[in-house]
């Protein structure tokens, strides 16, 4: 069991990671207050995965956002910052993202937006649930 707190909100959970089973909701943030515990975890996990998925897809679509690591992986370029924010409350919070330190053309932003409409890989047994996303 692991105590987990995402970087997307102030919720805290005790979880097992096989297969993402919530043992207990320790703390619920104001944005997720009022949801049943199972919905809190589902919403938080969806938001966290969507934020991370969008970053990965953006790095695949727009080469100037990233740099290649010695092992062949890609991470953000040193001068680029991934700035994101969730707004709203409950199950339907909206994600807004932007990349600081680099100028993206309208076409590059369009590539990132288009990537969000493609289904998430299912290697972990889940599909990306719709989250309203804005690329600024």
Foldseek 3Di string as FASTA:
>chain_A
DDWDAAPQFGWIFDFDVVPGHTPDTPDAGPQAPPDPPVQRSVLVVLVRVLLVQLQVQLCVQPVQQWDADPVRDIDGDPQKDWDKHWDHHHNATAMEIEIPRDDDDPVSQVSSVVSSVDWDDCPSPDTRDDHHYHYD
